[in-house]
Amino acid sequence: MSTVWGSNIKIAIFGESHSEAIGVVIDNLPAGLTLDMAEIRREMARRAPNGGEYSTPRKEADEVEIVSGYFNDKTTGTPLCGIIRNTNTKSSDYDQLKEVVRPGHSDFGYYYKSGGNNDYRGGGHSSGRLTATLVFAGAICKQLLRKKDVYVGSHISSIGNIKDARFDARVEANMLEHLSRQVFPLVDTGKFTAMDYLIKEAREEGDSVGGTIECAVVGVPAGVGEPFFESVESKIASLLFSVPAVKGVEFGKGFELTKMKGSKANDSFKCLGNKVFTATNNNGGILGGLTTGMPVIFDVAIKPTASIFKEQDTINVVTGENVKLNLKGRHDSCIVVRALPVIEAVTAIAIYDLMKNM
């Protein structure tokens, strides 16, 4: 199984949910970069690993140990490796899953792909736990992008059928920074009560709920990307779909464009002094695979958490019997809040990969 991604930089992640550690190797970073470790810790904390109101009760410090590629407080230009120790595992919670696969998880496919040799504890290598490594890599790429005046941010676009307001077509970096400091980032904070109730209701029922995240990248100049296989959309989407629970991506107005006429869907260009912008941003700042200079905006669909406490029908893959499954363990009722920094992280990685040599 390959877990390597990238062209101008390469990242490789390793580890399992209940192994000794998880980690990431980042290849081809520039030498001489001093990392803002306080900012990296803040990004890691946003993933809420410590049993916060919107996270699993599993408590992990998520302290990153940089074991190579960093010397005298600067990157060396050699592969940078960061590891995160797993210190709060309860592997016994997964004893029942040695032969019984969980609906909504990758257990079934992994069992057959590995010939029954998969690590079933907490989902093994396919666990959302590994997104912590992506947040670390993304935090570094965010710092590199800031040197190019490029900023990445997001908000909760919806929980269930409750929708937040949308980003403005010309959303600015200070808005993204403000949202990143919020526990429950919303454009319209008046939607919090209804969303919070929906999440808590699902938790009380032993069920889960999903939602969407709207992400924006501000400051990317026009002309980034390639028309086909290295298009901005394909680059970002390839990493977004590597995040567990992501089931859909929509750039700009996305599917809504199919209901428009071209005269409305097209983003008309305007000049203001020496700056060029579009009156609307229906195409999410990307045309023909290339950036237009407008904010890159897209939505990501996050499915309801697969691990729920309701009884479910499934199978025993060894005996071939139909069985009932009652899950044990510590699980989120909604992972949308925790997914925000992950979506931002992989977006930052993709954008930096596209812009590294610019």
Protein backbone atom coordinates (compact mmCIF):
# COMPACT_ATOMS: atom_id res chain seq x y z
CA MET A 1 0.00 0.00 0.00
CA SER A 2 1.39 3.40 -0.96
CA THR A 3 0.92 6.48 1.22
CA VAL A 4 3.08 8.93 -0.73
CA TRP A 5 1.70 12.09 -2.39
CA GLY A 6 3.10 15.10 -4.21
CA SER A 7 5.20 16.51 -7.06
CA ASN A 8 7.21 19.54 -5.93
CA ILE A 9 7.06 18.33 -2.35
CA LYS A 10 6.26 14.80 -1.25
CA ILE A 11 4.57 13.63 1.91
CA ALA A 12 4.42 10.09 3.25
CA ILE A 13 2.35 9.17 6.29
CA PHE A 14 2.78 6.08 8.47
CA GLY A 15 1.42 4.36 11.55
CA GLU A 16 -1.91 3.04 12.80
CA SER A 17 -4.54 4.24 15.24
CA HIS A 18 -3.25 1.92 18.00
CA SER A 19 0.40 1.49 16.99
CA GLU A 20 3.19 3.06 19.03
CA ALA A 21 3.15 6.22 16.92
CA ILE A 22 1.93 7.86 13.74
CA GLY A 23 4.01 10.18 11.61
CA VAL A 24 4.78 11.97 8.39
CA VAL A 25 7.86 12.51 6.24
CA ILE A 26 7.92 15.72 4.17
CA ASP A 27 10.43 15.74 1.34
CA ASN A 28 11.83 18.75 -0.57
CA LEU A 29 11.05 21.51 1.92
CA PRO A 30 13.31 24.54 1.52
CA ALA A 31 16.28 24.86 3.87
CA GLY A 32 16.52 27.69 6.39
CA LEU A 33 12.87 27.89 7.49
CA THR A 34 12.35 28.53 11.20
CA LEU A 35 9.11 26.85 12.21
CA ASP A 36 6.65 28.67 14.44
CA MET A 37 6.13 25.79 16.86
CA ALA A 38 3.48 27.69 18.85
CA GLU A 39 1.43 28.06 15.67
CA ILE A 40 1.90 24.37 14.87
CA ARG A 41 0.66 23.43 18.35
CA ARG A 42 -2.36 25.71 17.87
CA GLU A 43 -3.23 23.99 14.60
CA MET A 44 -2.85 20.57 16.23
CA ALA A 45 -5.12 21.66 19.11
CA ARG A 46 -7.81 22.75 16.64
CA ARG A 47 -8.23 19.11 15.70
CA ALA A 48 -9.54 18.79 19.31
CA PRO A 49 -7.93 15.54 20.41
CA ASN A 50 -8.40 16.16 24.11
CA GLY A 51 -12.01 15.21 24.67
CA GLY A 52 -13.48 18.61 23.93
CA GLU A 53 -17.21 19.09 23.51
CA TYR A 54 -17.08 18.21 19.81
CA SER A 55 -14.52 15.40 19.93
CA THR A 56 -14.10 11.82 21.05
CA PRO A 57 -13.24 11.28 24.75
CA ARG A 58 -9.93 9.73 23.63
CA LYS A 59 -7.29 12.10 25.01
CA GLU A 60 -4.04 12.44 23.09
CA ALA A 61 -1.50 15.23 23.57
CA ASP A 62 -0.66 15.22 19.83
CA GLU A 63 2.80 16.60 20.58
CA VAL A 64 4.92 16.35 17.46
CA GLU A 65 8.50 15.14 17.80
CA ILE A 66 10.62 16.31 14.88
CA VAL A 67 13.24 13.59 14.48
CA SER A 68 14.99 14.67 11.28
CA GLY A 69 15.33 17.56 8.85
CA TYR A 70 15.43 20.29 11.54
CA PHE A 71 18.65 21.54 13.15
CA ASN A 72 19.45 24.70 15.12
CA ASP A 73 15.80 25.78 14.77
CA LYS A 74 15.87 25.69 10.98
CA THR A 75 14.88 23.22 8.28
CA THR A 76 17.93 21.60 6.71
CA GLY A 77 16.43 20.82 3.29
CA THR A 78 16.60 17.09 3.98
CA PRO A 79 13.41 15.05 4.58
CA LEU A 80 11.64 16.37 7.67
CA CYS A 81 10.07 13.64 9.81
CA GLY A 82 7.59 14.28 12.61
CA ILE A 83 6.10 11.59 14.83
CA ILE A 84 3.17 11.67 17.25
CA ARG A 85 3.03 9.08 20.01
CA ASN A 86 -0.19 7.16 20.64
CA THR A 87 -0.55 7.20 24.42
CA ASN A 88 -4.25 6.69 25.16
CA THR A 89 -5.22 3.55 23.26
CA LYS A 90 -7.84 1.05 24.44
CA SER A 91 -7.22 -1.81 22.04
CA SER A 92 -9.51 -4.16 23.97
CA ASP A 93 -12.47 -2.09 22.76
CA TYR A 94 -11.82 -3.58 19.32
CA ASP A 95 -11.52 -7.28 20.21
CA GLN A 96 -14.99 -7.93 18.78
CA LEU A 97 -13.89 -6.52 15.40
CA LYS A 98 -11.27 -9.13 14.62
CA GLU A 99 -13.79 -10.95 12.46
CA VAL A 100 -16.83 -8.66 12.48
CA VAL A 101 -16.68 -5.67 10.11
CA ARG A 102 -18.17 -2.28 10.93
CA PRO A 103 -20.74 -0.77 8.53
CA GLY A 104 -19.52 2.50 7.05
CA HIS A 105 -15.83 1.71 7.69
CA SER A 106 -13.04 0.32 5.51
CA ASP A 107 -12.80 -2.91 7.57
CA PHE A 108 -14.36 -5.08 4.86
CA GLY A 109 -12.11 -3.88 2.04
CA TYR A 110 -8.97 -3.90 4.21
CA TYR A 111 -9.64 -7.45 5.37
CA TYR A 112 -9.64 -8.74 1.80
CA LYS A 113 -6.86 -6.45 0.56
CA SER A 114 -4.52 -7.68 3.32
CA GLY A 115 -5.64 -11.29 3.29
CA GLY A 116 -6.96 -10.93 6.83
CA ASN A 117 -3.73 -9.35 8.13
CA ASN A 118 -5.14 -5.86 8.66
CA ASP A 119 -4.79 -4.04 11.99
CA TYR A 120 -8.45 -3.79 12.98
CA ARG A 121 -7.87 -1.72 16.15
CA GLY A 122 -9.50 1.64 15.63
CA GLY A 123 -9.39 1.23 11.87
CA GLY A 124 -5.63 0.73 11.77
CA HIS A 125 -3.93 2.76 9.05
CA SER A 126 -7.26 4.02 7.67
CA SER A 127 -8.21 5.70 10.96
CA GLY A 128 -9.00 9.38 11.16
CA ARG A 129 -6.30 9.43 13.84
CA LEU A 130 -3.74 9.73 11.03
CA THR A 131 -5.16 13.09 10.00
CA ALA A 132 -3.07 14.53 12.85
CA THR A 133 -0.01 13.96 10.66
CA LEU A 134 -1.65 15.88 7.82
CA VAL A 135 -2.43 18.81 10.15
CA PHE A 136 1.27 18.95 11.10
CA ALA A 137 2.39 18.94 7.46
CA GLY A 138 -0.31 21.45 6.57
CA ALA A 139 0.73 23.78 9.39
CA ILE A 140 4.22 23.92 7.89
CA CYS A 141 2.82 24.58 4.40
CA LYS A 142 0.61 27.34 5.81
CA GLN A 143 3.71 29.06 7.17
CA LEU A 144 5.42 28.76 3.81
CA LEU A 145 2.35 30.10 2.00
CA ARG A 146 2.16 33.13 4.30
CA LYS A 147 5.57 34.13 2.98
CA LYS A 148 3.81 34.35 -0.39
CA ASP A 149 0.82 36.24 1.14
CA VAL A 150 -1.45 33.24 0.63
CA TYR A 151 -3.90 32.25 3.38
CA VAL A 152 -6.20 29.25 3.90
CA GLY A 153 -9.31 29.17 6.09
CA SER A 154 -12.74 27.59 6.46
CA HIS A 155 -16.03 27.52 8.32
CA ILE A 156 -18.83 25.05 9.01
CA SER A 157 -21.10 25.45 6.01
CA SER A 158 -23.79 23.10 7.31
CA ILE A 159 -24.65 20.52 9.95
CA GLY A 160 -27.41 18.22 8.75
CA ASN A 161 -29.91 20.47 6.98
CA ILE A 162 -28.95 23.62 8.90
CA LYS A 163 -26.90 25.98 6.72
CA ASP A 164 -24.49 28.78 7.59
CA ALA A 165 -24.10 31.91 5.45
CA ARG A 166 -21.64 31.69 2.55
CA PHE A 167 -18.23 33.29 2.12
CA ASP A 168 -18.29 36.56 0.23
CA ALA A 169 -16.96 36.21 -3.33
CA ARG A 170 -14.00 38.37 -2.30
CA VAL A 171 -13.45 36.97 1.19
CA GLU A 172 -10.31 38.37 2.82
CA ALA A 173 -7.49 36.89 4.89
CA ASN A 174 -8.52 38.61 8.14
CA MET A 175 -11.89 36.84 7.99
CA LEU A 176 -10.14 33.47 7.63
CA GLU A 177 -7.83 34.27 10.55
CA HIS A 178 -10.81 35.24 12.72
CA LEU A 179 -12.61 31.98 11.94
CA SER A 180 -9.51 29.91 12.77
CA ARG A 181 -9.66 31.24 16.35
CA GLN A 182 -13.23 30.07 16.90
CA VAL A 183 -14.16 26.71 18.48
CA PHE A 184 -17.23 26.46 16.23
CA PRO A 185 -16.42 28.63 13.19
CA LEU A 186 -19.47 30.18 11.58
CA VAL A 187 -20.01 33.18 9.32
CA ASP A 188 -23.47 33.62 10.85
CA THR A 189 -23.02 32.82 14.55
CA GLY A 190 -26.80 32.86 14.96
CA LYS A 191 -26.87 29.35 13.46
CA PHE A 192 -24.83 27.88 16.33
CA THR A 193 -27.73 26.98 18.65
CA ALA A 194 -29.59 24.89 16.07
CA MET A 195 -26.41 23.12 14.90
CA ASP A 196 -25.28 22.45 18.46
CA TYR A 197 -28.69 20.98 19.31
CA LEU A 198 -28.60 18.68 16.28
CA ILE A 199 -25.18 17.31 17.27
CA LYS A 200 -26.17 16.77 20.89
CA GLU A 201 -29.45 15.14 19.86
CA ALA A 202 -27.55 12.65 17.68
CA ARG A 203 -25.16 11.89 20.54
CA GLU A 204 -28.02 11.19 22.97
CA GLU A 205 -29.56 8.82 20.43
CA GLY A 206 -26.26 6.96 19.98
CA ASP A 207 -26.25 8.18 16.38
CA SER A 208 -24.24 10.68 14.32
CA VAL A 209 -24.68 13.57 11.91
CA GLY A 210 -22.65 14.95 9.01
CA GLY A 211 -22.28 18.30 7.29
CA THR A 212 -20.25 20.43 4.92
CA ILE A 213 -17.22 22.70 5.17
CA GLU A 214 -16.61 25.74 2.97
CA CYS A 215 -12.90 26.43 2.47
CA ALA A 216 -11.21 29.43 0.90
CA VAL A 217 -7.67 30.22 -0.27
CA VAL A 218 -6.91 33.93 -0.50
CA GLY A 219 -3.94 35.54 -2.26
CA VAL A 220 -3.21 32.94 -4.96
CA PRO A 221 -2.17 34.86 -8.09
CA ALA A 222 -3.69 34.23 -11.50
CA GLY A 223 -2.22 31.45 -13.61
CA VAL A 224 -1.38 28.85 -10.96
CA GLY A 225 -2.05 25.27 -12.07
CA GLU A 226 -2.16 23.42 -15.37
CA PRO A 227 -5.03 22.80 -17.80
CA PHE A 228 -5.36 19.06 -17.28
CA PHE A 229 -3.69 16.57 -14.91
CA GLU A 230 -2.13 19.21 -12.65
CA SER A 231 -5.22 21.41 -12.54
CA VAL A 232 -5.88 23.24 -9.28
CA GLU A 233 -9.11 21.30 -8.80
CA SER A 234 -7.54 17.89 -9.39
CA LYS A 235 -4.60 18.67 -7.11
CA ILE A 236 -6.75 19.83 -4.20
CA ALA A 237 -9.39 17.14 -4.72
CA SER A 238 -6.79 14.36 -4.73
CA LEU A 239 -5.88 15.26 -1.15
CA LEU A 240 -9.39 16.10 0.00
CA PHE A 241 -10.58 12.64 -0.99
CA SER A 242 -7.69 11.17 1.00
CA VAL A 243 -9.31 12.45 4.20
CA PRO A 244 -11.55 9.83 5.84
CA ALA A 245 -15.29 10.74 5.71
CA VAL A 246 -14.98 13.12 2.74
CA LYS A 247 -17.58 12.03 0.16
CA GLY A 248 -17.95 15.06 -2.07
CA VAL A 249 -16.17 18.21 -3.29
CA GLU A 250 -17.77 21.16 -5.10
CA PHE A 251 -15.76 24.09 -6.47
CA GLY A 252 -17.53 27.44 -6.58
CA LYS A 253 -21.23 26.97 -7.25
CA GLY A 254 -20.50 23.40 -8.36
CA PHE A 255 -23.65 21.48 -9.22
CA GLU A 256 -25.72 24.67 -9.00
CA LEU A 257 -23.96 25.81 -12.18
CA THR A 258 -25.86 23.12 -14.09
CA LYS A 259 -29.08 25.01 -13.38
CA MET A 260 -27.74 28.35 -14.66
CA LYS A 261 -27.42 29.76 -18.14
CA GLY A 262 -23.93 30.67 -19.28
CA SER A 263 -24.75 34.37 -19.06
CA LYS A 264 -25.20 33.98 -15.30
CA ALA A 265 -22.61 31.27 -14.63
CA ASN A 266 -19.77 33.18 -16.30
CA ASP A 267 -17.76 35.46 -14.00
CA SER A 268 -17.35 38.78 -15.80
CA PHE A 269 -13.92 40.45 -15.54
CA LYS A 270 -13.40 44.00 -14.30
CA CYS A 271 -10.39 46.28 -13.80
CA LEU A 272 -9.90 48.45 -10.74
CA GLY A 273 -6.69 50.40 -11.12
CA ASN A 274 -3.99 47.82 -11.79
CA LYS A 275 -6.03 44.97 -10.31
CA VAL A 276 -8.23 42.52 -12.20
CA PHE A 277 -11.13 40.80 -10.48
CA THR A 278 -14.43 39.13 -11.36
CA ALA A 279 -17.82 40.54 -10.40
CA THR A 280 -18.93 37.12 -9.17
CA ASN A 281 -17.01 34.01 -8.21
CA ASN A 282 -19.34 31.25 -9.37
CA ASN A 283 -16.39 29.16 -10.58
CA GLY A 284 -14.55 29.31 -7.28
CA GLY A 285 -11.52 31.23 -8.53
CA ILE A 286 -10.55 28.54 -11.06
CA LEU A 287 -11.13 28.42 -14.82
CA GLY A 288 -9.73 25.71 -17.08
CA GLY A 289 -7.66 24.33 -14.21
CA LEU A 290 -5.91 27.68 -13.62
CA THR A 291 -6.46 30.25 -10.88
CA THR A 292 -8.04 33.60 -11.79
CA GLY A 293 -6.63 35.58 -8.86
CA MET A 294 -9.97 35.48 -7.05
CA PRO A 295 -10.28 33.47 -3.83
CA VAL A 296 -10.28 29.72 -4.47
CA ILE A 297 -13.51 28.55 -2.83
CA PHE A 298 -14.93 25.05 -2.51
CA ASP A 299 -17.23 22.93 -0.35
CA VAL A 300 -16.44 19.53 1.14
CA ALA A 301 -19.08 16.99 2.17
CA ILE A 302 -18.36 15.13 5.43
CA LYS A 303 -20.48 12.05 5.98
CA PRO A 304 -21.97 11.17 9.39
CA THR A 305 -19.47 9.46 11.68
CA ALA A 306 -19.51 5.75 10.82
CA SER A 307 -18.99 4.58 14.43
CA ILE A 308 -22.35 4.78 16.19
CA PHE A 309 -23.81 3.08 19.23
CA LYS A 310 -27.04 1.86 17.63
CA GLU A 311 -27.26 -1.87 16.90
CA GLN A 312 -26.37 -2.59 13.26
CA ASP A 313 -26.53 -5.52 10.87
CA THR A 314 -23.20 -6.80 9.54
CA ILE A 315 -21.26 -10.02 8.87
CA ASN A 316 -18.54 -12.18 10.34
CA VAL A 317 -15.99 -12.33 7.50
CA VAL A 318 -14.47 -15.61 8.76
CA THR A 319 -17.63 -17.66 9.28
CA GLY A 320 -19.78 -15.87 6.68
CA GLU A 321 -22.59 -15.45 9.21
CA ASN A 322 -24.96 -12.49 9.48
CA VAL A 323 -24.51 -10.93 12.92
CA LYS A 324 -25.57 -7.95 15.02
CA LEU A 325 -22.97 -5.38 16.03
CA ASN A 326 -23.08 -3.23 19.16
CA LEU A 327 -20.01 -1.00 19.14
CA LYS A 328 -17.94 -0.17 22.19
CA GLY A 329 -15.31 2.53 22.52
CA ARG A 330 -15.07 6.32 22.23
CA HIS A 331 -16.57 7.94 19.16
CA ASP A 332 -17.59 11.36 17.84
CA SER A 333 -21.23 12.10 17.10
CA CYS A 334 -20.10 14.66 14.50
CA ILE A 335 -16.61 15.06 13.06
CA VAL A 336 -17.26 18.20 10.98
CA VAL A 337 -15.81 20.52 13.64
CA ARG A 338 -12.63 18.46 13.99
CA ALA A 339 -12.34 18.12 10.21
CA LEU A 340 -11.93 21.88 9.62
CA PRO A 341 -8.16 22.05 10.33
CA VAL A 342 -7.64 18.83 8.37
CA ILE A 343 -9.36 20.23 5.28
CA GLU A 344 -7.34 23.44 5.59
CA ALA A 345 -4.13 21.43 6.07
CA VAL A 346 -4.47 19.30 2.94
CA THR A 347 -5.51 22.37 0.96
CA ALA A 348 -2.37 24.19 2.11
CA ILE A 349 -0.25 21.18 1.12
CA ALA A 350 -1.81 21.10 -2.36
CA ILE A 351 -1.51 24.84 -2.94
CA TYR A 352 2.10 24.93 -1.73
CA ASP A 353 2.94 21.98 -4.01
CA LEU A 354 1.56 24.02 -6.92
CA MET A 355 3.31 27.26 -5.89
CA LYS A 356 6.61 26.01 -4.43
CA ASN A 357 8.73 27.18 -7.34
CA MET A 358 6.93 30.48 -7.87
